[in-house]
N, C-alpha and C. Protein backbone atom coordinates (compact mmCIF):
# COMPACT_ATOMS: atom_id res chain seq x y z
N MET A 1 4.62 -1.90 8.52
CA MET A 1 4.20 -1.05 7.47
C MET A 1 3.51 0.17 8.02
N ASN A 2 3.84 1.32 7.45
CA ASN A 2 3.23 2.58 7.83
C ASN A 2 1.72 2.52 7.63
N PRO A 3 0.90 2.89 8.64
CA PRO A 3 -0.56 2.79 8.45
C PRO A 3 -1.04 3.76 7.31
N PHE A 4 -0.29 4.82 7.09
CA PHE A 4 -0.74 5.73 5.98
C PHE A 4 -0.57 5.08 4.65
N GLU A 5 0.31 4.14 4.54
CA GLU A 5 0.49 3.45 3.24
C GLU A 5 -0.65 2.53 2.94
N LEU A 6 -1.48 2.20 3.93
CA LEU A 6 -2.59 1.29 3.72
C LEU A 6 -3.82 2.02 3.20
N GLN A 7 -3.88 3.37 3.37
CA GLN A 7 -4.98 4.18 2.93
C GLN A 7 -4.84 4.45 1.42
N LYS A 8 -5.82 4.03 0.64
CA LYS A 8 -5.72 4.20 -0.83
C LYS A 8 -6.87 5.08 -1.39
N THR A 9 -6.51 5.82 -2.32
CA THR A 9 -7.47 6.59 -3.09
C THR A 9 -7.35 6.25 -4.54
N ARG A 10 -8.38 5.72 -5.12
CA ARG A 10 -8.28 5.21 -6.55
C ARG A 10 -9.47 5.75 -7.34
N LYS A 11 -9.26 5.83 -8.65
CA LYS A 11 -10.35 6.23 -9.55
C LYS A 11 -10.83 5.01 -10.28
N LEU A 12 -12.14 4.98 -10.49
CA LEU A 12 -12.80 3.94 -11.28
C LEU A 12 -13.37 4.66 -12.49
N PHE A 13 -12.99 4.15 -13.71
CA PHE A 13 -13.53 4.74 -14.92
C PHE A 13 -14.44 3.70 -15.62
N PHE A 14 -15.64 4.13 -15.79
CA PHE A 14 -16.64 3.23 -16.35
C PHE A 14 -16.75 3.53 -17.87
N SER A 15 -17.24 2.51 -18.54
CA SER A 15 -17.52 2.75 -20.01
C SER A 15 -18.83 3.58 -20.18
N ASP A 16 -18.97 4.08 -21.37
CA ASP A 16 -20.09 5.01 -21.62
C ASP A 16 -21.47 4.28 -21.54
N GLU A 17 -21.49 2.98 -21.88
CA GLU A 17 -22.72 2.24 -21.86
C GLU A 17 -22.70 1.14 -20.80
N PRO A 18 -23.69 0.88 -20.11
CA PRO A 18 -24.97 1.62 -19.99
C PRO A 18 -24.81 2.94 -19.30
N ALA A 19 -25.66 3.83 -19.63
CA ALA A 19 -25.56 5.22 -19.22
C ALA A 19 -25.65 5.49 -17.75
N ASP A 20 -26.50 4.76 -17.02
CA ASP A 20 -26.69 5.04 -15.61
C ASP A 20 -25.86 4.19 -14.64
N GLN A 21 -24.85 3.49 -15.16
CA GLN A 21 -24.10 2.64 -14.30
C GLN A 21 -23.25 3.32 -13.27
N VAL A 22 -22.75 4.58 -13.56
CA VAL A 22 -21.98 5.31 -12.59
C VAL A 22 -22.85 5.59 -11.36
N GLU A 23 -24.03 6.04 -11.58
CA GLU A 23 -24.99 6.34 -10.46
C GLU A 23 -25.28 5.09 -9.64
N GLN A 24 -25.47 3.99 -10.35
CA GLN A 24 -25.77 2.72 -9.61
C GLN A 24 -24.56 2.27 -8.83
N ALA A 25 -23.35 2.40 -9.37
CA ALA A 25 -22.13 2.07 -8.64
C ALA A 25 -21.92 2.93 -7.52
N TYR A 26 -22.18 4.25 -7.66
CA TYR A 26 -22.09 5.17 -6.52
C TYR A 26 -23.00 4.75 -5.39
N LEU A 27 -24.20 4.38 -5.72
CA LEU A 27 -25.15 3.96 -4.58
C LEU A 27 -24.69 2.66 -3.96
N LEU A 28 -24.23 1.73 -4.82
CA LEU A 28 -23.81 0.40 -4.30
C LEU A 28 -22.61 0.54 -3.36
N LEU A 29 -21.59 1.25 -3.85
CA LEU A 29 -20.36 1.39 -3.14
C LEU A 29 -20.59 2.29 -1.87
N GLY A 30 -21.45 3.24 -2.02
CA GLY A 30 -21.74 4.09 -0.86
C GLY A 30 -22.34 3.42 0.38
N GLY A 31 -22.96 2.25 0.14
CA GLY A 31 -23.50 1.56 1.23
C GLY A 31 -22.56 0.55 1.87
N MET A 32 -21.29 0.46 1.42
CA MET A 32 -20.34 -0.48 1.96
C MET A 32 -19.63 0.15 3.15
N GLU A 33 -19.30 -0.69 4.14
CA GLU A 33 -18.58 -0.18 5.32
C GLU A 33 -17.13 0.00 5.01
N ASN A 34 -16.45 0.89 5.64
CA ASN A 34 -15.07 1.15 5.56
C ASN A 34 -14.65 1.54 4.11
N LEU A 35 -15.56 2.13 3.39
CA LEU A 35 -15.31 2.53 2.02
C LEU A 35 -16.05 3.88 1.78
N LYS A 36 -15.26 4.86 1.29
CA LYS A 36 -15.83 6.17 0.96
C LYS A 36 -15.80 6.33 -0.55
N VAL A 37 -16.88 6.85 -1.09
CA VAL A 37 -16.96 6.96 -2.55
C VAL A 37 -17.47 8.41 -2.85
N GLU A 38 -16.93 9.00 -3.86
CA GLU A 38 -17.41 10.30 -4.34
C GLU A 38 -17.34 10.34 -5.86
N LYS A 39 -18.10 11.26 -6.42
CA LYS A 39 -18.13 11.37 -7.88
C LYS A 39 -16.82 11.97 -8.36
N GLY A 40 -16.29 11.44 -9.41
CA GLY A 40 -15.07 11.95 -9.98
C GLY A 40 -15.23 13.24 -10.79
N THR A 41 -14.18 13.91 -10.99
CA THR A 41 -14.18 15.20 -11.75
C THR A 41 -14.32 14.89 -13.32
N LEU A 42 -13.92 13.71 -13.68
CA LEU A 42 -14.01 13.33 -15.12
C LEU A 42 -15.31 12.59 -15.32
N PRO A 43 -15.87 12.66 -16.57
CA PRO A 43 -17.10 11.95 -16.82
C PRO A 43 -16.94 10.46 -16.64
N ASN A 44 -17.99 9.79 -16.19
CA ASN A 44 -18.07 8.33 -15.97
C ASN A 44 -16.96 7.83 -15.01
N SER A 45 -16.70 8.58 -14.01
CA SER A 45 -15.64 8.19 -13.04
C SER A 45 -16.15 8.39 -11.60
N LEU A 46 -15.61 7.53 -10.74
CA LEU A 46 -15.84 7.63 -9.29
C LEU A 46 -14.48 7.59 -8.63
N VAL A 47 -14.42 8.19 -7.50
CA VAL A 47 -13.20 8.18 -6.63
C VAL A 47 -13.52 7.39 -5.40
N ILE A 48 -12.69 6.34 -5.06
CA ILE A 48 -13.00 5.55 -3.91
C ILE A 48 -11.77 5.68 -2.95
N HIS A 49 -12.11 5.70 -1.67
CA HIS A 49 -11.12 5.73 -0.60
C HIS A 49 -11.29 4.50 0.30
N TYR A 50 -10.23 3.75 0.51
CA TYR A 50 -10.38 2.53 1.33
C TYR A 50 -9.02 2.19 1.92
N SER A 51 -9.05 1.25 2.80
CA SER A 51 -7.82 0.74 3.47
C SER A 51 -7.60 -0.69 2.94
N LEU A 52 -6.31 -1.03 2.77
CA LEU A 52 -5.98 -2.36 2.33
C LEU A 52 -6.29 -3.43 3.35
N GLU A 53 -6.56 -3.01 4.54
CA GLU A 53 -6.95 -3.93 5.57
C GLU A 53 -8.38 -4.52 5.25
N HIS A 54 -9.17 -3.74 4.47
CA HIS A 54 -10.53 -4.14 4.22
C HIS A 54 -10.83 -4.51 2.75
N TYR A 55 -10.16 -3.83 1.83
CA TYR A 55 -10.47 -3.99 0.42
C TYR A 55 -9.18 -3.93 -0.41
N THR A 56 -9.27 -4.46 -1.63
CA THR A 56 -8.26 -4.15 -2.64
C THR A 56 -8.96 -3.67 -3.89
N HIS A 57 -8.21 -2.88 -4.73
CA HIS A 57 -8.85 -2.36 -5.94
C HIS A 57 -9.30 -3.47 -6.79
N GLU A 58 -8.49 -4.55 -6.93
CA GLU A 58 -8.88 -5.66 -7.77
C GLU A 58 -10.18 -6.33 -7.35
N ALA A 59 -10.31 -6.54 -5.98
CA ALA A 59 -11.52 -7.23 -5.48
C ALA A 59 -12.73 -6.35 -5.66
N LEU A 60 -12.58 -5.06 -5.47
CA LEU A 60 -13.78 -4.14 -5.72
C LEU A 60 -14.18 -4.14 -7.19
N GLU A 61 -13.19 -4.05 -8.04
CA GLU A 61 -13.49 -4.10 -9.49
C GLU A 61 -14.21 -5.46 -9.89
N ASN A 62 -13.60 -6.52 -9.43
CA ASN A 62 -14.19 -7.84 -9.81
C ASN A 62 -15.61 -7.95 -9.23
N ALA A 63 -15.85 -7.45 -8.07
CA ALA A 63 -17.24 -7.48 -7.48
C ALA A 63 -18.18 -6.67 -8.33
N LEU A 64 -17.70 -5.48 -8.84
CA LEU A 64 -18.57 -4.68 -9.67
C LEU A 64 -18.81 -5.31 -11.04
N ILE A 65 -17.78 -5.99 -11.54
CA ILE A 65 -17.96 -6.66 -12.89
C ILE A 65 -18.98 -7.82 -12.73
N LYS A 66 -18.93 -8.53 -11.57
CA LYS A 66 -19.90 -9.66 -11.33
C LYS A 66 -21.33 -9.07 -11.21
N GLU A 67 -21.48 -7.83 -10.79
CA GLU A 67 -22.75 -7.16 -10.73
C GLU A 67 -23.23 -6.58 -12.07
N GLY A 68 -22.41 -6.70 -13.09
CA GLY A 68 -22.79 -6.25 -14.42
C GLY A 68 -22.29 -4.87 -14.84
N PHE A 69 -21.33 -4.32 -14.06
CA PHE A 69 -20.77 -3.02 -14.44
C PHE A 69 -19.68 -3.19 -15.49
N HIS A 70 -19.47 -2.21 -16.30
CA HIS A 70 -18.48 -2.27 -17.36
C HIS A 70 -17.47 -1.12 -17.18
N PHE A 71 -16.20 -1.46 -17.32
CA PHE A 71 -15.15 -0.40 -17.15
C PHE A 71 -14.54 -0.09 -18.47
N LYS A 72 -13.94 1.09 -18.47
CA LYS A 72 -13.25 1.56 -19.69
C LYS A 72 -12.06 0.63 -19.95
N LYS A 73 -11.82 0.33 -21.24
CA LYS A 73 -10.83 -0.69 -21.53
C LYS A 73 -9.77 -0.18 -22.54
N SER A 74 -9.17 0.98 -22.23
CA SER A 74 -8.09 1.41 -23.11
C SER A 74 -6.79 0.73 -22.62
N LEU A 75 -5.82 0.75 -23.54
CA LEU A 75 -4.54 0.11 -23.17
C LEU A 75 -3.90 0.74 -21.91
N LEU A 76 -3.91 2.07 -21.83
CA LEU A 76 -3.35 2.75 -20.72
C LEU A 76 -4.11 2.38 -19.38
N ASP A 77 -5.40 2.34 -19.45
CA ASP A 77 -6.21 1.95 -18.26
C ASP A 77 -5.84 0.54 -17.83
N MET A 78 -5.70 -0.39 -18.74
CA MET A 78 -5.38 -1.72 -18.45
C MET A 78 -4.04 -1.83 -17.77
N VAL A 79 -3.06 -1.15 -18.30
CA VAL A 79 -1.69 -1.22 -17.75
C VAL A 79 -1.71 -0.62 -16.31
N GLN A 80 -2.34 0.57 -16.14
CA GLN A 80 -2.44 1.17 -14.79
C GLN A 80 -3.13 0.22 -13.79
N LYS A 81 -4.19 -0.44 -14.25
CA LYS A 81 -4.87 -1.34 -13.31
C LYS A 81 -3.98 -2.54 -12.93
N HIS A 82 -3.20 -3.03 -13.86
CA HIS A 82 -2.36 -4.17 -13.51
C HIS A 82 -1.21 -3.75 -12.61
N VAL A 83 -0.70 -2.54 -12.77
CA VAL A 83 0.32 -2.00 -11.81
C VAL A 83 -0.28 -1.88 -10.43
N VAL A 84 -1.43 -1.25 -10.36
CA VAL A 84 -2.10 -1.00 -9.03
C VAL A 84 -2.42 -2.32 -8.38
N HIS A 85 -2.94 -3.29 -9.18
CA HIS A 85 -3.32 -4.59 -8.56
C HIS A 85 -2.09 -5.35 -8.03
N TYR A 86 -0.94 -5.23 -8.79
CA TYR A 86 0.30 -5.88 -8.35
C TYR A 86 0.81 -5.26 -7.07
N CYS A 87 0.86 -3.94 -7.04
CA CYS A 87 1.39 -3.24 -5.84
C CYS A 87 0.55 -3.49 -4.58
N GLU A 88 -0.78 -3.47 -4.79
CA GLU A 88 -1.64 -3.71 -3.67
C GLU A 88 -1.54 -5.15 -3.25
N ASP A 89 -1.35 -6.08 -4.13
CA ASP A 89 -1.22 -7.47 -3.80
C ASP A 89 0.04 -7.69 -2.95
N VAL A 90 1.13 -7.09 -3.33
CA VAL A 90 2.37 -7.18 -2.56
C VAL A 90 2.19 -6.56 -1.16
N GLN A 91 1.57 -5.42 -1.10
CA GLN A 91 1.33 -4.76 0.22
C GLN A 91 0.41 -5.62 1.07
N HIS A 92 -0.58 -6.17 0.47
CA HIS A 92 -1.54 -7.04 1.20
C HIS A 92 -0.81 -8.28 1.70
N HIS A 93 0.06 -8.82 0.91
CA HIS A 93 0.79 -10.08 1.32
C HIS A 93 1.80 -9.67 2.49
N ASN A 94 2.40 -8.45 2.40
CA ASN A 94 3.31 -8.06 3.48
C ASN A 94 2.61 -7.85 4.77
N LEU A 95 1.36 -7.50 4.72
CA LEU A 95 0.54 -7.35 5.96
C LEU A 95 0.42 -8.67 6.71
N SER A 96 0.34 -9.75 5.96
CA SER A 96 0.11 -11.02 6.66
C SER A 96 1.43 -11.78 6.96
N SER A 97 2.54 -11.26 6.50
CA SER A 97 3.83 -11.93 6.88
C SER A 97 4.34 -11.33 8.14
N PRO A 98 5.02 -12.18 8.98
CA PRO A 98 5.46 -11.71 10.28
C PRO A 98 6.68 -10.75 10.14
N GLU A 99 6.73 -9.80 11.06
CA GLU A 99 7.88 -8.90 11.00
C GLU A 99 9.16 -9.61 11.53
N HIS A 100 10.29 -9.19 11.05
CA HIS A 100 11.56 -9.72 11.54
C HIS A 100 11.75 -9.22 12.99
N PRO A 101 12.18 -10.09 13.93
CA PRO A 101 12.17 -9.68 15.34
C PRO A 101 13.12 -8.47 15.61
N THR A 102 14.13 -8.25 14.88
CA THR A 102 15.06 -7.14 15.18
C THR A 102 14.41 -5.78 14.84
N LYS A 103 13.37 -5.78 14.07
CA LYS A 103 12.75 -4.48 13.70
C LYS A 103 12.08 -3.83 14.86
N LYS A 104 11.65 -4.60 15.84
CA LYS A 104 10.94 -4.02 17.00
C LYS A 104 11.89 -3.42 17.94
N ASN A 105 13.10 -3.97 18.02
CA ASN A 105 14.10 -3.46 18.98
C ASN A 105 15.41 -3.15 18.33
N GLU A 106 15.40 -2.52 17.16
CA GLU A 106 16.57 -2.34 16.41
C GLU A 106 17.61 -1.46 17.16
N ALA A 107 17.14 -0.44 17.88
CA ALA A 107 18.08 0.41 18.59
C ALA A 107 18.85 -0.35 19.67
N GLU A 108 18.18 -1.30 20.31
CA GLU A 108 18.85 -2.16 21.29
C GLU A 108 19.85 -3.09 20.62
N VAL A 109 19.49 -3.66 19.50
CA VAL A 109 20.34 -4.58 18.79
C VAL A 109 21.66 -3.87 18.34
N PHE A 110 21.49 -2.69 17.77
CA PHE A 110 22.70 -1.91 17.33
C PHE A 110 23.53 -1.43 18.45
N ALA A 111 22.91 -1.09 19.58
CA ALA A 111 23.69 -0.70 20.76
C ALA A 111 24.53 -1.87 21.27
N GLN A 112 24.03 -3.06 21.24
CA GLN A 112 24.80 -4.19 21.66
C GLN A 112 25.92 -4.49 20.71
N VAL A 113 25.67 -4.35 19.41
CA VAL A 113 26.74 -4.60 18.43
C VAL A 113 27.81 -3.54 18.64
N TYR A 114 27.44 -2.32 18.87
CA TYR A 114 28.41 -1.20 19.07
C TYR A 114 29.30 -1.48 20.25
N GLU A 115 28.69 -2.01 21.36
CA GLU A 115 29.48 -2.27 22.59
C GLU A 115 30.53 -3.33 22.34
N HIS A 116 30.35 -4.30 21.42
CA HIS A 116 31.24 -5.35 21.23
C HIS A 116 32.39 -4.98 20.24
N HIS A 117 32.31 -3.84 19.63
CA HIS A 117 33.36 -3.44 18.72
C HIS A 117 34.46 -2.63 19.48
N PRO A 118 35.72 -2.87 19.17
CA PRO A 118 36.77 -2.11 19.83
C PRO A 118 36.72 -0.65 19.42
N HIS A 119 36.63 0.28 20.36
CA HIS A 119 36.67 1.68 20.12
C HIS A 119 36.92 2.43 21.42
N GLY A 120 37.34 3.69 21.36
CA GLY A 120 37.51 4.50 22.50
C GLY A 120 38.42 3.87 23.57
N ASN A 121 37.97 3.80 24.81
CA ASN A 121 38.78 3.28 25.89
C ASN A 121 38.86 1.74 25.83
N HIS A 122 38.16 1.07 24.98
CA HIS A 122 38.17 -0.32 24.87
C HIS A 122 39.27 -0.82 23.91
N ASP A 123 40.09 0.12 23.44
CA ASP A 123 41.12 -0.25 22.46
C ASP A 123 42.21 -1.03 23.16
N ASP A 124 42.51 -2.22 22.69
CA ASP A 124 43.54 -3.08 23.28
C ASP A 124 44.92 -2.84 22.78
N THR A 125 45.09 -1.80 21.95
CA THR A 125 46.44 -1.48 21.41
C THR A 125 47.24 -0.87 22.50
N PRO A 126 48.46 -1.33 22.72
CA PRO A 126 49.32 -0.71 23.78
C PRO A 126 49.49 0.74 23.59
N LYS A 127 49.64 1.52 24.74
CA LYS A 127 49.73 2.93 24.68
C LYS A 127 50.95 3.42 23.84
N ASN A 128 51.99 2.77 23.96
CA ASN A 128 53.19 3.17 23.14
C ASN A 128 53.00 3.05 21.67
N LEU A 129 52.18 2.13 21.24
CA LEU A 129 51.88 2.05 19.82
C LEU A 129 50.81 3.05 19.32
N ARG A 130 49.94 3.37 20.27
CA ARG A 130 48.92 4.36 19.93
C ARG A 130 49.50 5.77 19.74
N GLU A 131 50.60 6.03 20.48
CA GLU A 131 51.25 7.34 20.46
C GLU A 131 52.52 7.33 19.63
N TYR A 132 52.67 6.34 18.76
CA TYR A 132 53.83 6.20 17.95
C TYR A 132 54.08 7.43 17.08
N LYS A 133 55.34 7.92 17.11
CA LYS A 133 55.66 9.08 16.30
C LYS A 133 56.77 8.74 15.33
């Protein structure tokens, strides 16, 4: 997997009440290792940057919910969260599954296959049939 695909930037949208929860979440998340947090451009939002090697969006949200934070619960937000959670879950699962051995040396594998196919000077067709007119 491409290491750049592991770097995620996500937005967290908090509900309006309690009023100071965005500031508290900013301070809490700002103290975590391998996680960068900044204030979002929209009201009651934070932008988080993390790697799937360390965190998932779902785990971060669940940890914040356990600490008493409340997120915006519109239908669109819920659908987006489920899609993000599913995609990150699949990527996280793919990180732990072993790579197929041919992916590491695919150029060598295809070169060997190419050598075994009849082509060019390796053609067993008699010369008189190759030049048939």
